[in-house]
Protein backbone atom coordinates (compact mmCIF):
# COMPACT_ATOMS: atom_id res chain seq x y z
CA MET A 1 80.64 100.81 120.28
CA THR A 2 83.64 102.16 118.38
CA GLN A 3 85.69 100.18 115.90
CA VAL A 4 88.62 100.17 118.34
CA GLU A 5 86.39 98.75 121.08
CA ARG A 6 85.17 96.04 118.71
CA LEU A 7 88.75 95.24 117.73
CA ILE A 8 89.90 94.96 121.36
CA ARG A 9 86.99 92.68 122.27
CA TYR A 10 87.63 90.49 119.26
CA LEU A 11 91.36 90.15 119.92
CA ARG A 12 90.63 89.22 123.54
CA SER A 13 88.50 86.30 122.44
CA HIS A 14 90.46 85.44 119.26
CA PRO A 15 94.19 85.88 119.92
CA GLY A 16 96.37 85.26 116.90
CA SER A 17 93.84 86.55 114.37
CA SER A 18 95.03 87.30 110.85
CA GLY A 19 94.20 90.50 109.00
CA MET A 20 91.73 88.63 106.80
CA GLU A 21 89.99 87.26 109.89
CA LEU A 22 89.71 90.78 111.32
CA ILE A 23 88.27 92.09 108.06
CA ALA A 24 85.75 89.25 107.81
CA ALA A 25 84.64 89.21 111.44
CA LEU A 26 84.57 92.95 112.10
CA SER A 27 84.03 94.46 108.64
CA LEU A 28 87.16 96.56 109.18
CA PRO A 29 88.90 96.98 105.82
CA LYS A 30 91.32 99.45 107.46
CA TYR A 31 92.08 97.25 110.45
CA THR A 32 95.70 98.45 110.55
CA SER A 33 94.46 101.99 111.21
CA ARG A 34 92.30 100.74 114.08
CA ILE A 35 95.29 98.81 115.46
CA SER A 36 97.30 102.04 115.35
CA ASP A 37 94.46 103.87 117.10
CA ALA A 38 94.31 101.18 119.81
CA ARG A 39 98.07 101.39 120.30
CA ALA A 40 97.79 105.17 120.61
CA GLN A 41 95.25 104.59 123.40
CA GLY A 42 97.82 102.45 125.24
CA PHE A 43 96.89 98.94 124.12
CA ASP A 44 99.76 96.62 123.26
CA ILE A 45 98.88 94.74 120.09
CA VAL A 46 101.65 92.47 118.88
CA CYS A 47 102.04 91.36 115.28
CA GLU A 48 103.85 88.07 114.68
CA LYS A 49 104.42 86.45 111.31
CA GLN A 50 103.50 82.74 111.23
CA ASN A 51 103.88 80.80 107.99
CA GLY A 52 103.90 84.05 106.05
CA ILE A 53 100.71 85.37 107.70
CA ASN A 54 100.67 88.29 110.11
CA ARG A 55 98.88 87.34 113.33
CA TYR A 56 97.69 89.89 115.88
CA ARG A 57 97.27 89.42 119.61
CA LEU A 58 96.52 91.69 122.52
CA VAL A 59 98.94 91.82 125.45
CA GLU A 60 97.12 93.33 128.40
CA LYS A 61 98.12 94.74 131.71
CA PRO A 62 95.72 93.73 134.53
CA GLN A 63 94.17 97.23 134.73
CA GLN A 64 93.31 97.14 131.00
CA GLN A 65 91.35 93.91 131.25
CA ILE A 66 88.28 95.75 132.58
CA LEU A 67 88.08 98.12 129.58
CA PHE A 68 85.64 97.38 126.75
CA ARG A 69 84.09 94.31 128.40
């Protein structure tokens, strides 16, 4: 499984994850690069700042929900 696949699966089950949570859970020190890669593949990952912390969530179209299950 690729790092992008792991990221997508994690964001599906943990919407609103912070960068530190992504690093800790997925061992992805360059998580922003993997987010960029996922976006390049057509995934919509939104970053929202909450209380000074960037939070990431996946916004999926119905046809994307079957990928990386």
